[in-house]
Amino acid sequence: MVKRSKKSKSKRVTLRQKHKVLRKVKEHDMEKMVTKADPSKRIVLLHNKIDLVPKEAVEKWLTYLREEMPTIAFKCNTQEQRTKPGWKSSKLDKTNSIPQSSDCLGAENLIRLLKKYSRSHELKLAITVGIVGLPNVGKSSLINSLKRSRVVNVGSTPGVTRSMQEVQLDKKAPMEAMELVVALTACADSVAACNHDVANYYLVRLGEMASPAGPTLMHRVAAYFVEVLTLRMVHAKAFKFAKLHSKNMYQ
């Protein structure tokens, strides 16, 4: 029997409180976790950091992801100063390449979609939006870009934001930024069973560990992951041996 942690319970409760969930895309599956918590939950995918890949790749990913759910191409603002950064329209079909600038791309499309959702459901209260994703996919940068100011700390190393923060986007549409560490949720039958281990792994920086090698790291790895990895290595070696043996027989 797996003992569920308080952190896992708080994540499930928090997901139920959101009208909409924004998922920062790095191709890992967590939709099952959200829909299991509440089948009526609406999910929007954000294809972030589109300025780092070719335009053709972005267009193909958008076509693929939009077959499953709404997807928006996005690039967070990269200005370091605290003045209000700009927004630019991200119209990939009318440009030869993705604009290389420090301005945010895709914010207007995202805000428009959120307002459309609010009107379609006739919500009298402002909607709350949870932002989930792996470390360093740009969750905090997304909030700063939408707010047009640096209201959340950001950094190049994982674990800068370790708690849930609430940020009001505007008077009509407050946004709650839910900073959850969600990774490898499909690796076990019980999502809550592995979330605690995954969160611990990502929130400890290697530079802060006395000896980031050997047992220090291995005790943080789930047993089932080691078993699966071992089986794959054994099967790979067995296949290589069988192939080599077959080749020698015909020589």
Protein backbone atom coordinates (compact mmCIF):
# COMPACT_ATOMS: atom_id res chain seq x y z
CA MET A 1 0.00 0.00 0.00
CA VAL A 2 1.42 3.37 -1.00
CA LYS A 3 1.30 6.13 1.58
CA ARG A 4 0.25 9.40 0.01
CA SER A 5 2.02 12.53 1.16
CA LYS A 6 0.43 15.82 2.23
CA LYS A 7 2.03 17.50 -0.80
CA SER A 8 0.24 15.15 -3.20
CA LYS A 9 -3.07 15.80 -1.44
CA SER A 10 -2.59 19.58 -1.63
CA LYS A 11 -1.88 19.34 -5.38
CA ARG A 12 -5.13 17.46 -5.99
CA VAL A 13 -7.12 19.99 -3.96
CA THR A 14 -5.46 22.90 -5.77
CA LEU A 15 -6.25 21.45 -9.20
CA ARG A 16 -9.94 21.28 -8.27
CA GLN A 17 -9.94 25.00 -7.51
CA LYS A 18 -8.80 26.04 -10.99
CA HIS A 19 -11.24 26.89 -13.79
CA LYS A 20 -8.52 26.44 -16.36
CA VAL A 21 -5.09 24.85 -16.47
CA LEU A 22 -2.22 26.12 -18.60
CA ARG A 23 0.39 23.53 -19.31
CA LYS A 24 3.86 24.68 -20.33
CA VAL A 25 4.94 22.26 -23.02
CA LYS A 26 7.87 19.97 -22.85
CA GLU A 27 6.50 16.79 -24.27
CA HIS A 28 5.43 14.95 -21.10
CA ASP A 29 1.90 13.74 -20.41
CA MET A 30 0.04 15.11 -17.40
CA GLU A 31 -3.44 15.53 -18.91
CA LYS A 32 -4.60 12.32 -17.25
CA MET A 33 -3.79 13.74 -13.83
CA VAL A 34 -5.81 16.91 -14.49
CA THR A 35 -8.83 15.19 -16.05
CA LYS A 36 -8.85 12.60 -13.28
CA ALA A 37 -9.07 15.36 -10.67
CA ASP A 38 -11.92 17.04 -12.59
CA PRO A 39 -13.19 15.83 -16.01
CA SER A 40 -14.67 19.26 -16.73
CA LYS A 41 -11.30 20.99 -16.36
CA ARG A 42 -10.19 22.86 -19.46
CA ILE A 43 -6.55 22.53 -20.55
CA VAL A 44 -4.60 24.85 -22.81
CA LEU A 45 -1.13 23.94 -24.07
CA LEU A 46 1.52 26.63 -24.37
CA HIS A 47 4.27 25.90 -26.89
CA ASN A 48 6.90 28.05 -25.20
CA LYS A 49 10.35 29.21 -26.39
CA ILE A 50 9.33 29.17 -30.05
CA ASP A 51 12.22 31.50 -30.88
CA LEU A 52 14.71 28.69 -30.20
CA VAL A 53 13.48 26.35 -32.93
CA PRO A 54 12.84 26.71 -36.69
CA LYS A 55 9.49 28.09 -37.78
CA GLU A 56 8.67 24.87 -39.66
CA ALA A 57 9.10 22.82 -36.48
CA VAL A 58 6.81 25.17 -34.54
CA GLU A 59 4.10 24.96 -37.20
CA LYS A 60 4.24 21.15 -37.28
CA TRP A 61 4.03 20.92 -33.50
CA LEU A 62 1.08 23.31 -33.41
CA THR A 63 -0.74 21.26 -36.05
CA TYR A 64 -0.12 18.06 -34.10
CA LEU A 65 -0.99 19.38 -30.64
CA ARG A 66 -4.10 21.26 -31.77
CA GLU A 67 -5.67 17.98 -32.82
CA GLU A 68 -5.94 17.13 -29.11
CA MET A 69 -6.57 20.48 -27.38
CA PRO A 70 -6.13 24.26 -27.78
CA THR A 71 -2.46 25.16 -28.24
CA ILE A 72 -0.83 28.59 -28.34
CA ALA A 73 2.64 29.44 -29.60
CA PHE A 74 4.43 31.56 -27.03
CA LYS A 75 7.70 33.32 -26.29
CA CYS A 76 8.24 34.96 -22.94
CA ASN A 77 9.70 38.42 -22.57
CA THR A 78 13.48 38.39 -22.11
CA GLN A 79 14.05 41.99 -20.99
CA GLU A 80 15.86 42.24 -17.67
CA GLN A 81 14.71 45.72 -16.71
CA ARG A 82 11.59 46.22 -14.61
CA THR A 83 9.88 48.59 -17.03
CA LYS A 84 6.78 47.38 -18.83
CA PRO A 85 7.89 45.04 -21.65
CA GLY A 86 6.13 44.95 -24.97
CA TRP A 87 3.84 42.43 -26.61
CA LYS A 88 3.98 41.40 -30.22
CA SER A 89 1.54 39.43 -32.32
CA SER A 90 2.72 35.90 -33.15
CA LYS A 91 1.36 35.28 -36.65
CA LEU A 92 3.53 32.45 -37.90
CA ASP A 93 1.65 32.05 -41.15
CA LYS A 94 2.43 35.57 -42.37
CA THR A 95 6.13 35.75 -41.61
CA ASN A 96 9.13 33.97 -43.02
CA SER A 97 10.63 33.40 -39.59
CA ILE A 98 9.86 33.88 -35.92
CA PRO A 99 10.73 37.44 -34.83
CA GLN A 100 13.97 37.56 -32.85
CA SER A 101 13.27 40.21 -30.22
CA SER A 102 13.00 40.56 -26.47
CA ASP A 103 9.25 41.22 -26.65
CA CYS A 104 6.65 38.65 -25.65
CA LEU A 105 4.90 36.72 -28.41
CA GLY A 106 1.49 35.09 -28.07
CA ALA A 107 0.24 36.94 -24.98
CA GLU A 108 -2.69 38.56 -26.79
CA ASN A 109 -3.85 35.20 -28.14
CA LEU A 110 -3.69 33.65 -24.68
CA ILE A 111 -5.61 36.47 -22.98
CA ARG A 112 -8.22 36.38 -25.74
CA LEU A 113 -8.73 32.64 -25.25
CA LEU A 114 -9.09 32.99 -21.48
CA LYS A 115 -11.66 35.78 -21.87
CA LYS A 116 -13.55 33.70 -24.43
CA TYR A 117 -13.71 30.81 -21.99
CA SER A 118 -15.02 33.11 -19.26
CA ARG A 119 -17.78 34.51 -21.50
CA SER A 120 -18.83 31.11 -22.83
CA HIS A 121 -19.40 29.80 -19.31
CA GLU A 122 -21.03 33.02 -18.07
CA LEU A 123 -18.77 33.13 -15.04
CA LYS A 124 -19.65 35.99 -12.72
CA LEU A 125 -16.46 35.58 -10.74
CA ALA A 126 -13.03 36.03 -12.25
CA ILE A 127 -11.44 32.81 -13.44
CA THR A 128 -8.35 31.36 -11.84
CA VAL A 129 -5.72 29.73 -14.00
CA GLY A 130 -3.20 27.17 -12.82
CA ILE A 131 0.17 27.05 -14.58
CA VAL A 132 1.90 23.69 -14.39
CA GLY A 133 4.99 22.25 -16.02
CA LEU A 134 8.47 20.86 -15.55
CA PRO A 135 11.19 23.02 -13.99
CA ASN A 136 12.73 25.63 -16.29
CA VAL A 137 10.04 25.54 -18.98
CA GLY A 138 9.21 29.18 -18.27
CA LYS A 139 6.26 29.21 -15.86
CA SER A 140 7.47 32.22 -13.88
CA SER A 141 8.60 34.01 -17.03
CA LEU A 142 5.12 33.49 -18.46
CA ILE A 143 3.57 35.24 -15.47
CA ASN A 144 5.99 38.15 -15.72
CA SER A 145 5.29 38.47 -19.44
CA LEU A 146 1.52 38.56 -18.96
CA LYS A 147 1.83 40.99 -16.06
CA ARG A 148 4.35 43.12 -18.02
CA SER A 149 6.50 43.46 -14.93
CA ARG A 150 8.78 41.31 -12.82
CA VAL A 151 6.44 40.10 -10.10
CA VAL A 152 7.87 36.58 -9.81
CA ASN A 153 11.53 35.65 -9.41
CA VAL A 154 13.08 33.74 -12.29
CA GLY A 155 16.38 31.93 -12.71
CA SER A 156 18.35 29.66 -15.00
CA THR A 157 18.52 26.85 -12.43
CA PRO A 158 15.56 24.69 -11.34
CA GLY A 159 13.85 25.28 -8.01
CA VAL A 160 13.73 29.09 -7.88
CA THR A 161 9.97 29.00 -7.26
CA ARG A 162 9.09 26.42 -4.62
CA SER A 163 5.62 27.47 -3.51
CA MET A 164 2.29 28.51 -4.99
CA GLN A 165 1.99 32.22 -5.73
CA GLU A 166 -1.11 34.23 -6.58
CA VAL A 167 -0.76 37.05 -9.09
CA GLN A 168 -3.65 39.27 -10.16
CA LEU A 169 -3.41 39.88 -13.89
CA ASP A 170 -5.99 42.67 -13.91
CA LYS A 171 -9.14 43.69 -12.05
CA LYS A 172 -11.39 41.73 -14.39
CA ALA A 173 -9.29 38.61 -14.77
CA PRO A 174 -7.07 37.73 -11.80
CA MET A 175 -4.70 34.86 -12.47
CA GLU A 176 -3.38 32.46 -9.92
CA ALA A 177 0.03 31.08 -10.76
CA MET A 178 0.30 27.57 -9.47
CA GLU A 179 3.95 26.54 -9.43
CA LEU A 180 3.88 22.75 -9.26
CA VAL A 181 6.71 20.40 -10.05
CA VAL A 182 4.98 17.84 -12.27
CA ALA A 183 7.10 15.26 -14.05
CA LEU A 184 6.95 11.60 -15.06
CA THR A 185 3.32 11.37 -13.89
CA ALA A 186 2.69 8.40 -16.16
CA CYS A 187 5.46 6.28 -14.62
CA ALA A 188 3.22 4.67 -11.99
CA ASP A 189 -0.36 3.51 -11.66
CA SER A 190 -0.88 6.05 -8.89
CA VAL A 191 0.14 9.56 -9.90
CA ALA A 192 0.15 10.69 -6.29
CA ALA A 193 2.55 7.87 -5.43
CA CYS A 194 5.40 9.25 -7.52
CA ASN A 195 4.80 13.00 -7.33
CA HIS A 196 6.47 13.36 -3.94
CA ASP A 197 9.66 11.59 -5.05
CA VAL A 198 9.79 13.59 -8.27
CA ALA A 199 9.32 16.88 -6.42
CA ASN A 200 12.15 16.03 -4.03
CA TYR A 201 14.44 15.17 -6.92
CA TYR A 202 13.88 18.42 -8.78
CA LEU A 203 13.98 20.74 -5.76
CA VAL A 204 17.46 19.71 -4.67
CA ARG A 205 20.26 21.32 -6.64
CA LEU A 206 23.33 19.26 -7.39
CA GLY A 207 25.58 22.12 -6.28
CA GLU A 208 24.05 22.00 -2.80
CA MET A 209 24.71 18.28 -2.34
CA ALA A 210 27.83 17.21 -0.48
CA SER A 211 28.53 14.41 -2.96
CA PRO A 212 26.29 14.51 -6.06
CA ALA A 213 27.18 10.96 -7.13
CA GLY A 214 26.68 7.34 -6.24
CA PRO A 215 24.44 6.56 -3.24
CA THR A 216 23.62 10.23 -2.69
CA LEU A 217 21.71 10.27 -5.97
CA MET A 218 20.59 6.65 -6.10
CA HIS A 219 18.60 6.83 -2.87
CA ARG A 220 16.47 9.55 -4.50
CA VAL A 221 15.55 7.32 -7.45
CA ALA A 222 12.39 5.26 -7.20
CA ALA A 223 12.93 1.49 -7.08
CA TYR A 224 10.60 0.78 -9.99
CA PHE A 225 12.64 3.14 -12.20
CA VAL A 226 15.84 1.21 -11.45
CA GLU A 227 14.07 -2.07 -12.22
CA VAL A 228 12.78 -0.83 -15.58
CA LEU A 229 16.17 0.61 -16.51
CA THR A 230 17.94 -2.63 -15.57
CA LEU A 231 15.54 -4.74 -17.63
CA ARG A 232 16.07 -2.52 -20.66
CA MET A 233 19.85 -2.81 -20.35
CA VAL A 234 19.64 -6.60 -20.01
CA HIS A 235 17.37 -6.92 -23.05
CA ALA A 236 19.63 -4.63 -25.09
CA LYS A 237 22.72 -6.69 -24.25
CA ALA A 238 20.89 -9.97 -24.96
CA PHE A 239 19.73 -8.68 -28.35
CA LYS A 240 23.26 -7.51 -29.21
CA PHE A 241 24.73 -10.91 -28.22
CA ALA A 242 22.11 -12.82 -30.25
CA LYS A 243 22.74 -10.64 -33.29
CA LEU A 244 26.52 -11.11 -33.02
CA HIS A 245 26.13 -14.89 -32.52
CA SER A 246 23.88 -15.13 -35.57
CA LYS A 247 26.35 -13.17 -37.66
CA ASN A 248 29.26 -15.46 -36.68
CA MET A 249 27.27 -18.57 -37.60
CA TYR A 250 26.90 -17.47 -41.23
CA GLN A 251 30.52 -16.42 -41.71
